Amino acid sequence: MTEPITPADKAGPPEVSLMQITALDEAESLGATIPCRAYDPEVFFAETPADVEYAKTLCATCPVKAACLQGALERREPWGVWGGELFVQGVVVARKRPRGRPRKTEVAA
């Protein structure tokens, strides 16, 4: 038996909120640097853990960091660095795991 389709099922992904657009416009009108517009966007969707950490540091001084993070949480962004946080499958994770199999033994720091 199939489940009924609700209006929420038909809706697409949430739109960018007016607050986010306003925050971005204000920051740009004041001459603030928005890292995701000043750097290659690929940086914010990097594969290596080191590149992901670099993208997070770029977000640290962004004037719209809070609005960016809030919007990404609302939209459940599937991946990338948003508002200084890493998203994987729609949730914030602390660190990106390197590719390949995990080590069998602990690595000394």
PDB file of N, CA and C in Angstrom:
ATOM      1  N   MET A   1       0.840  -1.170   0.000  1.00  0.00           N
ATOM      2  CA  MET A   1       0.000   0.000   0.000  1.00  0.00           C
ATOM      3  C   MET A   1       0.891   1.240   0.000  1.00  0.00           C
ATOM      4  N   THR A   2       0.630   2.187  -0.846  1.00  0.00           N
ATOM      5  CA  THR A   2       1.439   3.400  -0.915  1.00  0.00           C
ATOM      6  C   THR A   2       0.891   4.450   0.046  1.00  0.00           C
ATOM      7  N   GLU A   3       1.799   5.291   0.517  1.00  0.00           N
ATOM      8  CA  GLU A   3       1.399   6.354   1.432  1.00  0.00           C
ATOM      9  C   GLU A   3       0.883   7.538   0.627  1.00  0.00           C
ATOM     10  N   PRO A   4      -0.078   8.285   1.179  1.00  0.00           N
ATOM     11  CA  PRO A   4      -0.610   9.437   0.446  1.00  0.00           C
ATOM     12  C   PRO A   4       0.440  10.534   0.304  1.00  0.00           C
ATOM     13  N   ILE A   5       0.357  11.265  -0.786  1.00  0.00           N
ATOM     14  CA  ILE A   5       1.274  12.371  -1.035  1.00  0.00           C
ATOM     15  C   ILE A   5       0.713  13.611  -0.357  1.00  0.00           C
ATOM     16  N   THR A   6       1.525  14.255   0.449  1.00  0.00           N
ATOM     17  CA  THR A   6       1.114  15.460   1.162  1.00  0.00           C
ATOM     18  C   THR A   6       1.631  16.689   0.426  1.00  0.00           C
ATOM     19  N   PRO A   7       1.081  17.882   0.727  1.00  0.00           N
ATOM     20  CA  PRO A   7       1.607  19.105   0.101  1.00  0.00           C
ATOM     21  C   PRO A   7       3.092  19.312   0.376  1.00  0.00           C
ATOM     22  N   ALA A   8       3.566  18.888   1.550  1.00  0.00           N
ATOM     23  CA  ALA A   8       4.991  19.022   1.863  1.00  0.00           C
ATOM     24  C   ALA A   8       5.844  18.170   0.935  1.00  0.00           C
ATOM     25  N   ASP A   9       5.304  17.011   0.507  1.00  0.00           N
ATOM     26  CA  ASP A   9       6.040  16.145  -0.408  1.00  0.00           C
ATOM     27  C   ASP A   9       6.192  16.790  -1.780  1.00  0.00           C
ATOM     28  N   LYS A  10       5.194  17.558  -2.190  1.00  0.00           N
ATOM     29  CA  LYS A  10       5.208  18.189  -3.503  1.00  0.00           C
ATOM     30  C   LYS A  10       6.115  19.414  -3.545  1.00  0.00           C
ATOM     31  N   ALA A  11       6.326  20.030  -2.391  1.00  0.00           N
ATOM     32  CA  ALA A  11       7.129  21.244  -2.339  1.00  0.00           C
ATOM     33  C   ALA A  11       8.584  20.936  -2.651  1.00  0.00           C
ATOM     34  N   GLY A  12       9.234  21.869  -3.324  1.00  0.00           N
ATOM     35  CA  GLY A  12      10.650  21.730  -3.622  1.00  0.00           C
ATOM     36  C   GLY A  12      11.474  22.113  -2.412  1.00  0.00           C
ATOM     37  N   PRO A  13      12.775  22.251  -2.591  1.00  0.00           N
ATOM     38  CA  PRO A  13      13.628  22.646  -1.471  1.00  0.00           C
ATOM     39  C   PRO A  13      13.273  24.059  -1.014  1.00  0.00           C
ATOM     40  N   PRO A  14      13.480  24.358   0.279  1.00  0.00           N
ATOM     41  CA  PRO A  14      13.160  25.691   0.780  1.00  0.00           C
ATOM     42  C   PRO A  14      13.944  26.757   0.039  1.00  0.00           C
ATOM     43  N   GLU A  15      13.317  27.891  -0.151  1.00  0.00           N
ATOM     44  CA  GLU A  15      13.948  29.013  -0.824  1.00  0.00           C
ATOM     45  C   GLU A  15      14.907  29.717   0.130  1.00  0.00           C
ATOM     46  N   VAL A  16      15.767  30.537  -0.427  1.00  0.00           N
ATOM     47  CA  VAL A  16      16.641  31.364   0.389  1.00  0.00           C
ATOM     48  C   VAL A  16      15.754  32.416   1.041  1.00  0.00           C
ATOM     49  N   SER A  17      15.908  32.613   2.353  1.00  0.00           N
ATOM     50  CA  SER A  17      15.038  33.534   3.073  1.00  0.00           C
ATOM     51  C   SER A  17      15.389  34.982   2.779  1.00  0.00           C
ATOM     52  N   LEU A  18      14.420  35.856   3.027  1.00  0.00           N
ATOM     53  CA  LEU A  18      14.623  37.284   2.832  1.00  0.00           C
ATOM     54  C   LEU A  18      15.733  37.799   3.744  1.00  0.00           C
ATOM     55  N   MET A  19      15.824  37.241   4.961  1.00  0.00           N
ATOM     56  CA  MET A  19      16.870  37.655   5.898  1.00  0.00           C
ATOM     57  C   MET A  19      18.251  37.374   5.308  1.00  0.00           C
ATOM     58  N   GLN A  20      18.404  36.236   4.665  1.00  0.00           N
ATOM     59  CA  GLN A  20      19.701  35.883   4.085  1.00  0.00           C
ATOM     60  C   GLN A  20      20.064  36.820   2.933  1.00  0.00           C
ATOM     61  N   ILE A  21      19.095  37.121   2.097  1.00  0.00           N
ATOM     62  CA  ILE A  21      19.352  38.020   0.971  1.00  0.00           C
ATOM     63  C   ILE A  21      19.683  39.411   1.483  1.00  0.00           C
ATOM     64  N   THR A  22      18.929  39.885   2.483  1.00  0.00           N
ATOM     65  CA  THR A  22      19.165  41.205   3.055  1.00  0.00           C
ATOM     66  C   THR A  22      20.554  41.281   3.685  1.00  0.00           C
ATOM     67  N   ALA A  23      20.936  40.259   4.445  1.00  0.00           N
ATOM     68  CA  ALA A  23      22.257  40.242   5.087  1.00  0.00           C
ATOM     69  C   ALA A  23      23.363  40.283   4.039  1.00  0.00           C
ATOM     70  N   LEU A  24      23.212  39.541   2.976  1.00  0.00           N
ATOM     71  CA  LEU A  24      24.209  39.507   1.912  1.00  0.00           C
ATOM     72  C   LEU A  24      24.294  40.854   1.210  1.00  0.00           C
ATOM     73  N   ASP A  25      23.134  41.434   0.884  1.00  0.00           N
ATOM     74  CA  ASP A  25      23.114  42.735   0.214  1.00  0.00           C
ATOM     75  C   ASP A  25      23.737  43.828   1.086  1.00  0.00           C
ATOM     76  N   GLU A  26      23.406  43.817   2.380  1.00  0.00           N
ATOM     77  CA  GLU A  26      23.966  44.813   3.297  1.00  0.00           C
ATOM     78  C   GLU A  26      25.481  44.689   3.375  1.00  0.00           C
ATOM     79  N   ALA A  27      25.964  43.480   3.531  1.00  0.00           N
ATOM     80  CA  ALA A  27      27.403  43.259   3.647  1.00  0.00           C
ATOM     81  C   ALA A  27      28.123  43.720   2.387  1.00  0.00           C
ATOM     82  N   GLU A  28      27.571  43.391   1.233  1.00  0.00           N
ATOM     83  CA  GLU A  28      28.212  43.789  -0.022  1.00  0.00           C
ATOM     84  C   GLU A  28      28.166  45.301  -0.229  1.00  0.00           C
ATOM     85  N   SER A  29      27.058  45.941   0.186  1.00  0.00           N
ATOM     86  CA  SER A  29      26.959  47.391   0.017  1.00  0.00           C
ATOM     87  C   SER A  29      27.949  48.128   0.919  1.00  0.00           C
ATOM     88  N   LEU A  30      28.338  47.517   2.027  1.00  0.00           N
ATOM     89  CA  LEU A  30      29.331  48.116   2.918  1.00  0.00           C
ATOM     90  C   LEU A  30      30.749  47.795   2.483  1.00  0.00           C
ATOM     91  N   GLY A  31      30.889  47.044   1.416  1.00  0.00           N
ATOM     92  CA  GLY A  31      32.210  46.712   0.891  1.00  0.00           C
ATOM     93  C   GLY A  31      32.866  45.532   1.580  1.00  0.00           C
ATOM     94  N   ALA A  32      32.089  44.773   2.342  1.00  0.00           N
ATOM     95  CA  ALA A  32      32.633  43.607   3.041  1.00  0.00           C
ATOM     96  C   ALA A  32      32.951  42.501   2.040  1.00  0.00           C
ATOM     97  N   THR A  33      33.991  41.752   2.332  1.00  0.00           N
ATOM     98  CA  THR A  33      34.360  40.629   1.481  1.00  0.00           C
ATOM     99  C   THR A  33      33.558  39.406   1.888  1.00  0.00           C
ATOM    100  N   ILE A  34      32.880  38.817   0.935  1.00  0.00           N
ATOM    101  CA  ILE A  34      32.128  37.591   1.147  1.00  0.00           C
ATOM    102  C   ILE A  34      32.994  36.476   0.558  1.00  0.00           C
ATOM    103  N   PRO A  35      33.591  35.635   1.411  1.00  0.00           N
ATOM    104  CA  PRO A  35      34.556  34.632   0.919  1.00  0.00           C
ATOM    105  C   PRO A  35      34.033  33.739  -0.200  1.00  0.00           C
ATOM    106  N   CYS A  36      32.794  33.301  -0.113  1.00  0.00           N
ATOM    107  CA  CYS A  36      32.287  32.388  -1.141  1.00  0.00           C
ATOM    108  C   CYS A  36      32.101  33.079  -2.490  1.00  0.00           C
ATOM    109  N   ARG A  37      32.134  34.406  -2.489  1.00  0.00           N
ATOM    110  CA  ARG A  37      32.062  35.137  -3.749  1.00  0.00           C
ATOM    111  C   ARG A  37      33.444  35.596  -4.211  1.00  0.00           C
ATOM    112  N   ALA A  38      34.386  35.649  -3.280  1.00  0.00           N
ATOM    113  CA  ALA A  38      35.726  36.111  -3.610  1.00  0.00           C
ATOM    114  C   ALA A  38      36.665  34.965  -4.009  1.00  0.00           C
ATOM    115  N   TYR A  39      36.392  33.749  -3.536  1.00  0.00           N
ATOM    116  CA  TYR A  39      37.228  32.580  -3.816  1.00  0.00           C
ATOM    117  C   TYR A  39      36.484  31.625  -4.739  1.00  0.00           C
ATOM    118  N   ASP A  40      37.222  30.713  -5.299  1.00  0.00           N
ATOM    119  CA  ASP A  40      36.639  29.687  -6.155  1.00  0.00           C
ATOM    120  C   ASP A  40      35.620  28.878  -5.347  1.00  0.00           C
ATOM    121  N   PRO A  41      34.379  28.765  -5.817  1.00  0.00           N
ATOM    122  CA  PRO A  41      33.357  28.012  -5.069  1.00  0.00           C
ATOM    123  C   PRO A  41      33.737  26.561  -4.800  1.00  0.00           C
ATOM    124  N   GLU A  42      34.600  25.997  -5.627  1.00  0.00           N
ATOM    125  CA  GLU A  42      35.030  24.610  -5.422  1.00  0.00           C
ATOM    126  C   GLU A  42      35.706  24.414  -4.065  1.00  0.00           C
ATOM    127  N   VAL A  43      36.305  25.486  -3.527  1.00  0.00           N
ATOM    128  CA  VAL A  43      36.958  25.406  -2.222  1.00  0.00           C
ATOM    129  C   VAL A  43      35.962  24.953  -1.159  1.00  0.00           C
ATOM    130  N   PHE A  44      34.713  25.377  -1.273  1.00  0.00           N
ATOM    131  CA  PHE A  44      33.700  25.092  -0.261  1.00  0.00           C
ATOM    132  C   PHE A  44      33.036  23.721  -0.444  1.00  0.00           C
ATOM    133  N   PHE A  45      33.465  23.008  -1.472  1.00  0.00           N
ATOM    134  CA  PHE A  45      32.966  21.652  -1.726  1.00  0.00           C
ATOM    135  C   PHE A  45      34.150  20.708  -1.938  1.00  0.00           C
ATOM    136  N   ALA A  46      35.216  20.925  -1.181  1.00  0.00           N
ATOM    137  CA  ALA A  46      36.472  20.205  -1.342  1.00  0.00           C
ATOM    138  C   ALA A  46      36.357  18.744  -0.911  1.00  0.00           C
ATOM    139  N   GLU A  47      37.266  17.943  -1.424  1.00  0.00           N
ATOM    140  CA  GLU A  47      37.316  16.514  -1.102  1.00  0.00           C
ATOM    141  C   GLU A  47      38.232  16.202   0.069  1.00  0.00           C
ATOM    142  N   THR A  48      39.355  16.889   0.164  1.00  0.00           N
ATOM    143  CA  THR A  48      40.320  16.531   1.204  1.00  0.00           C
ATOM    144  C   THR A  48      40.003  17.245   2.518  1.00  0.00           C
ATOM    145  N   PRO A  49      40.275  16.586   3.635  1.00  0.00           N
ATOM    146  CA  PRO A  49      40.037  17.211   4.939  1.00  0.00           C
ATOM    147  C   PRO A  49      40.771  18.540   5.112  1.00  0.00           C
ATOM    148  N   ALA A  50      42.001  18.639   4.599  1.00  0.00           N
ATOM    149  CA  ALA A  50      42.771  19.883   4.728  1.00  0.00           C
ATOM    150  C   ALA A  50      42.089  21.028   3.983  1.00  0.00           C
ATOM    151  N   ASP A  51      41.570  20.747   2.793  1.00  0.00           N
ATOM    152  CA  ASP A  51      40.873  21.779   2.016  1.00  0.00           C
ATOM    153  C   ASP A  51      39.569  22.199   2.680  1.00  0.00           C
ATOM    154  N   VAL A  52      38.884  21.259   3.308  1.00  0.00           N
ATOM    155  CA  VAL A  52      37.642  21.579   4.028  1.00  0.00           C
ATOM    156  C   VAL A  52      37.960  22.508   5.195  1.00  0.00           C
ATOM    157  N   GLU A  53      39.028  22.213   5.929  1.00  0.00           N
ATOM    158  CA  GLU A  53      39.412  23.073   7.058  1.00  0.00           C
ATOM    159  C   GLU A  53      39.789  24.466   6.564  1.00  0.00           C
ATOM    160  N   TYR A  54      40.430  24.556   5.404  1.00  0.00           N
ATOM    161  CA  TYR A  54      40.765  25.845   4.812  1.00  0.00           C
ATOM    162  C   TYR A  54      39.489  26.631   4.509  1.00  0.00           C
ATOM    163  N   ALA A  55      38.501  25.981   3.927  1.00  0.00           N
ATOM    164  CA  ALA A  55      37.228  26.643   3.616  1.00  0.00           C
ATOM    165  C   ALA A  55      36.558  27.149   4.893  1.00  0.00           C
ATOM    166  N   LYS A  56      36.623  26.355   5.955  1.00  0.00           N
ATOM    167  CA  LYS A  56      36.032  26.774   7.227  1.00  0.00           C
ATOM    168  C   LYS A  56      36.717  28.039   7.760  1.00  0.00           C
ATOM    169  N   THR A  57      38.045  28.122   7.589  1.00  0.00           N
ATOM    170  CA  THR A  57      38.759  29.312   8.071  1.00  0.00           C
ATOM    171  C   THR A  57      38.384  30.546   7.244  1.00  0.00           C
ATOM    172  N   LEU A  58      38.100  30.361   5.964  1.00  0.00           N
ATOM    173  CA  LEU A  58      37.662  31.485   5.140  1.00  0.00           C
ATOM    174  C   LEU A  58      36.333  32.039   5.656  1.00  0.00           C
ATOM    175  N   CYS A  59      35.473  31.180   6.131  1.00  0.00           N
ATOM    176  CA  CYS A  59      34.159  31.601   6.639  1.00  0.00           C
ATOM    177  C   CYS A  59      34.255  32.325   7.980  1.00  0.00           C
ATOM    178  N   ALA A  60      35.351  32.149   8.689  1.00  0.00           N
ATOM    179  CA  ALA A  60      35.463  32.681  10.050  1.00  0.00           C
ATOM    180  C   ALA A  60      35.212  34.186  10.129  1.00  0.00           C
ATOM    181  N   THR A  61      35.642  34.944   9.128  1.00  0.00           N
ATOM    182  CA  THR A  61      35.478  36.394   9.163  1.00  0.00           C
ATOM    183  C   THR A  61      34.327  36.892   8.303  1.00  0.00           C
ATOM    184  N   CYS A  62      33.530  36.001   7.773  1.00  0.00           N
ATOM    185  CA  CYS A  62      32.434  36.391   6.885  1.00  0.00           C
ATOM    186  C   CYS A  62      31.331  37.107   7.667  1.00  0.00           C
ATOM    187  N   PRO A  63      30.881  38.268   7.171  1.00  0.00           N
ATOM    188  CA  PRO A  63      29.844  39.017   7.875  1.00  0.00           C
ATOM    189  C   PRO A  63      28.454  38.374   7.824  1.00  0.00           C
ATOM    190  N   VAL A  64      28.248  37.431   6.919  1.00  0.00           N
ATOM    191  CA  VAL A  64      26.934  36.780   6.824  1.00  0.00           C
ATOM    192  C   VAL A  64      26.999  35.311   7.252  1.00  0.00           C
ATOM    193  N   LYS A  65      27.999  34.981   8.040  1.00  0.00           N
ATOM    194  CA  LYS A  65      28.219  33.599   8.470  1.00  0.00           C
ATOM    195  C   LYS A  65      26.980  33.010   9.157  1.00  0.00           C
ATOM    196  N   ALA A  66      26.379  33.735  10.091  1.00  0.00           N
ATOM    197  CA  ALA A  66      25.231  33.218  10.840  1.00  0.00           C
ATOM    198  C   ALA A  66      24.036  32.988   9.925  1.00  0.00           C
ATOM    199  N   ALA A  67      23.750  33.929   9.032  1.00  0.00           N
ATOM    200  CA  ALA A  67      22.628  33.782   8.105  1.00  0.00           C
ATOM    201  C   ALA A  67      22.868  32.632   7.134  1.00  0.00           C
ATOM    202  N   CYS A  68      24.097  32.472   6.704  1.00  0.00           N
ATOM    203  CA  CYS A  68      24.467  31.382   5.801  1.00  0.00           C
ATOM    204  C   CYS A  68      24.237  30.027   6.473  1.00  0.00           C
ATOM    205  N   LEU A  69      24.706  29.911   7.708  1.00  0.00           N
ATOM    206  CA  LEU A  69      24.547  28.655   8.445  1.00  0.00           C
ATOM    207  C   LEU A  69      23.078  28.356   8.692  1.00  0.00           C
ATOM    208  N   GLN A  70      22.317  29.358   9.101  1.00  0.00           N
ATOM    209  CA  GLN A  70      20.897  29.155   9.357  1.00  0.00           C
ATOM    210  C   GLN A  70      20.169  28.689   8.093  1.00  0.00           C
ATOM    211  N   GLY A  71      20.472  29.315   6.977  1.00  0.00           N
ATOM    212  CA  GLY A  71      19.843  28.920   5.719  1.00  0.00           C
ATOM    213  C   GLY A  71      20.200  27.508   5.309  1.00  0.00           C
ATOM    214  N   ALA A  72      21.456  27.143   5.488  1.00  0.00           N
ATOM    215  CA  ALA A  72      21.895  25.792   5.136  1.00  0.00           C
ATOM    216  C   ALA A  72      21.204  24.747   6.008  1.00  0.00           C
ATOM    217  N   LEU A  73      21.029  25.068   7.286  1.00  0.00           N
ATOM    218  CA  LEU A  73      20.319  24.145   8.187  1.00  0.00           C
ATOM    219  C   LEU A  73      18.862  23.998   7.765  1.00  0.00           C
ATOM    220  N   GLU A  74      18.226  25.115   7.419  1.00  0.00           N
ATOM    221  CA  GLU A  74      16.827  25.079   6.985  1.00  0.00           C
ATOM    222  C   GLU A  74      16.659  24.271   5.701  1.00  0.00           C
ATOM    223  N   ARG A  75      17.611  24.433   4.783  1.00  0.00           N
ATOM    224  CA  ARG A  75      17.529  23.736   3.493  1.00  0.00           C
ATOM    225  C   ARG A  75      18.078  22.324   3.555  1.00  0.00           C
ATOM    226  N   ARG A  76      18.717  21.975   4.683  1.00  0.00           N
ATOM    227  CA  ARG A  76      19.382  20.677   4.840  1.00  0.00           C
ATOM    228  C   ARG A  76      20.323  20.432   3.664  1.00  0.00           C
ATOM    229  N   GLU A  77      21.251  21.389   3.493  1.00  0.00           N
ATOM    230  CA  GLU A  77      22.229  21.283   2.401  1.00  0.00           C
ATOM    231  C   GLU A  77      22.883  19.903   2.436  1.00  0.00           C
ATOM    232  N   PRO A  78      22.969  19.236   1.298  1.00  0.00           N
ATOM    233  CA  PRO A  78      23.496  17.869   1.290  1.00  0.00           C
ATOM    234  C   PRO A  78      25.002  17.780   1.550  1.00  0.00           C
ATOM    235  N   TRP A  79      25.780  18.780   1.160  1.00  0.00           N
ATOM    236  CA  TRP A  79      27.222  18.732   1.387  1.00  0.00           C
ATOM    237  C   TRP A  79      27.820  20.120   1.217  1.00  0.00           C
ATOM    238  N   GLY A  80      29.056  20.255   1.653  1.00  0.00           N
ATOM    239  CA  GLY A  80      29.785  21.508   1.501  1.00  0.00           C
ATOM    240  C   GLY A  80      29.976  22.241   2.815  1.00  0.00           C
ATOM    241  N   VAL A  81      30.736  23.334   2.745  1.00  0.00           N
ATOM    242  CA  VAL A  81      30.960  24.190   3.901  1.00  0.00           C
ATOM    243  C   VAL A  81      30.010  25.372   3.786  1.00  0.00           C
ATOM    244  N   TRP A  82      29.178  25.541   4.793  1.00  0.00           N
ATOM    245  CA  TRP A  82      28.185  26.613   4.847  1.00  0.00           C
ATOM    246  C   TRP A  82      28.263  27.260   6.221  1.00  0.00           C
ATOM    247  N   GLY A  83      28.459  28.558   6.269  1.00  0.00           N
ATOM    248  CA  GLY A  83      28.508  29.252   7.543  1.00  0.00           C
ATOM    249  C   GLY A  83      29.612  28.742   8.455  1.00  0.00           C
ATOM    250  N   GLY A  84      30.688  28.273   7.873  1.00  0.00           N
ATOM    251  CA  GLY A  84      31.815  27.793   8.663  1.00  0.00           C
ATOM    252  C   GLY A  84      31.664  26.381   9.194  1.00  0.00           C
ATOM    253  N   GLU A  85      30.630  25.684   8.774  1.00  0.00           N
ATOM    254  CA  GLU A  85      30.400  24.308   9.218  1.00  0.00           C
ATOM    255  C   GLU A  85      30.358  23.378   8.012  1.00  0.00           C
ATOM    256  N   LEU A  86      30.766  22.137   8.223  1.00  0.00           N
ATOM    257  CA  LEU A  86      30.758  21.131   7.167  1.00  0.00           C
ATOM    258  C   LEU A  86      29.449  20.349   7.210  1.00  0.00           C
ATOM    259  N   PHE A  87      28.796  20.263   6.074  1.00  0.00           N
ATOM    260  CA  PHE A  87      27.562  19.489   5.951  1.00  0.00           C
ATOM    261  C   PHE A  87      27.840  18.216   5.166  1.00  0.00           C
ATOM    262  N   VAL A  88      27.353  17.099   5.678  1.00  0.00           N
ATOM    263  CA  VAL A  88      27.408  15.819   4.984  1.00  0.00           C
ATOM    264  C   VAL A  88      26.027  15.197   5.135  1.00  0.00           C
ATOM    265  N   GLN A  89      25.385  14.933   4.037  1.00  0.00           N
ATOM    266  CA  GLN A  89      24.041  14.356   3.999  1.00  0.00           C
ATOM    267  C   GLN A  89      23.048  15.168   4.817  1.00  0.00           C
ATOM    268  N   GLY A  90      23.167  16.505   4.738  1.00  0.00           N
ATOM    269  CA  GLY A  90      22.195  17.389   5.362  1.00  0.00           C
ATOM    270  C   GLY A  90      22.398  17.689   6.834  1.00  0.00           C
ATOM    271  N   VAL A  91      23.455  17.171   7.446  1.00  0.00           N
ATOM    272  CA  VAL A  91      23.713  17.451   8.859  1.00  0.00           C
ATOM    273  C   VAL A  91      25.146  17.965   9.045  1.00  0.00           C
ATOM    274  N   VAL A  92      25.339  18.744  10.095  1.00  0.00           N
ATOM    275  CA  VAL A  92      26.666  19.284  10.393  1.00  0.00           C
ATOM    276  C   VAL A  92      27.529  18.189  11.003  1.00  0.00           C
ATOM    277  N   VAL A  93      28.748  18.065  10.495  1.00  0.00           N
ATOM    278  CA  VAL A  93      29.719  17.123  11.059  1.00  0.00           C
ATOM    279  C   VAL A  93      30.982  17.901  11.424  1.00  0.00           C
ATOM    280  N   ALA A  94      31.699  17.412  12.413  1.00  0.00           N
ATOM    281  CA  ALA A  94      32.877  18.130  12.908  1.00  0.00           C
ATOM    282  C   ALA A  94      34.038  18.098  11.920  1.00  0.00           C
ATOM    283  N   ARG A  95      34.314  16.961  11.352  1.00  0.00           N
ATOM    284  CA  ARG A  95      35.476  16.806  10.477  1.00  0.00           C
ATOM    285  C   ARG A  95      35.136  15.921   9.289  1.00  0.00           C
ATOM    286  N   LYS A  96      35.831  16.167   8.197  1.00  0.00           N
ATOM    287  CA  LYS A  96      35.675  15.313   7.017  1.00  0.00           C
ATOM    288  C   LYS A  96      36.649  14.151   7.144  1.00  0.00           C
ATOM    289  N   ARG A  97      36.122  12.982   6.965  1.00  0.00           N
ATOM    290  CA  ARG A  97      36.958  11.782   7.004  1.00  0.00           C
ATOM    291  C   ARG A  97      37.712  11.650   5.695  1.00  0.00           C
ATOM    292  N   PRO A  98      38.994  11.285   5.746  1.00  0.00           N
ATOM    293  CA  PRO A  98      39.730  11.091   4.498  1.00  0.00           C
ATOM    294  C   PRO A  98      39.175   9.900   3.719  1.00  0.00           C
ATOM    295  N   ARG A  99      39.454   9.869   2.439  1.00  0.00           N
ATOM    296  CA  ARG A  99      38.994   8.759   1.608  1.00  0.00           C
ATOM    297  C   ARG A  99      39.728   7.489   1.967  1.00  0.00           C
ATOM    298  N   GLY A 100      39.132   6.371   1.642  1.00  0.00           N
ATOM    299  CA  GLY A 100      39.776   5.084   1.863  1.00  0.00           C
ATOM    300  C   GLY A 100      39.344   4.435   3.161  1.00  0.00           C
ATOM    301  N   ARG A 101      39.939   3.308   3.425  1.00  0.00           N
ATOM    302  CA  ARG A 101      39.611   2.555   4.637  1.00  0.00           C
ATOM    303  C   ARG A 101      40.242   3.208   5.856  1.00  0.00           C
ATOM    304  N   PRO A 102      39.563   3.153   6.994  1.00  0.00           N
ATOM    305  CA  PRO A 102      40.167   3.680   8.221  1.00  0.00           C
ATOM    306  C   PRO A 102      41.362   2.829   8.634  1.00  0.00           C
ATOM    307  N   ARG A 103      42.292   3.426   9.339  1.00  0.00           N
ATOM    308  CA  ARG A 103      43.468   2.690   9.831  1.00  0.00           C
ATOM    309  C   ARG A 103      43.042   1.667  10.890  1.00  0.00           C
ATOM    310  N   LYS A 104      43.775   0.588  10.966  1.00  0.00           N
ATOM    311  CA  LYS A 104      43.487  -0.433  11.980  1.00  0.00           C
ATOM    312  C   LYS A 104      44.099  -0.054  13.321  1.00  0.00           C
ATOM    313  N   THR A 105      45.150   0.750  13.276  1.00  0.00           N
ATOM    314  CA  THR A 105      45.800   1.170  14.515  1.00  0.00           C
ATOM    315  C   THR A 105      45.692   2.684  14.673  1.00  0.00           C
ATOM    316  N   GLU A 106      45.728   3.106  15.900  1.00  0.00           N
ATOM    317  CA  GLU A 106      45.666   4.545  16.221  1.00  0.00           C
ATOM    318  C   GLU A 106      46.949   5.231  15.746  1.00  0.00           C
ATOM    319  N   VAL A 107      46.824   6.421  15.175  1.00  0.00           N
ATOM    320  CA  VAL A 107      47.987   7.182  14.712  1.00  0.00           C
ATOM    321  C   VAL A 107      48.389   8.152  15.810  1.00  0.00           C
ATOM    322  N   ALA A 108      49.676   8.218  16.110  1.00  0.00           N
ATOM    323  CA  ALA A 108      50.170   9.151  17.136  1.00  0.00           C
ATOM    324  C   ALA A 108      50.053  10.577  16.597  1.00  0.00           C
ATOM    325  N   ALA A 109      49.560  11.483  17.438  1.00  0.00           N
ATOM    326  CA  ALA A 109      49.356  12.868  17.008  1.00  0.00           C
ATOM    327  C   ALA A 109      50.605  13.684  17.057  1.00  0.00           C
TER     328      ALA A 109
END
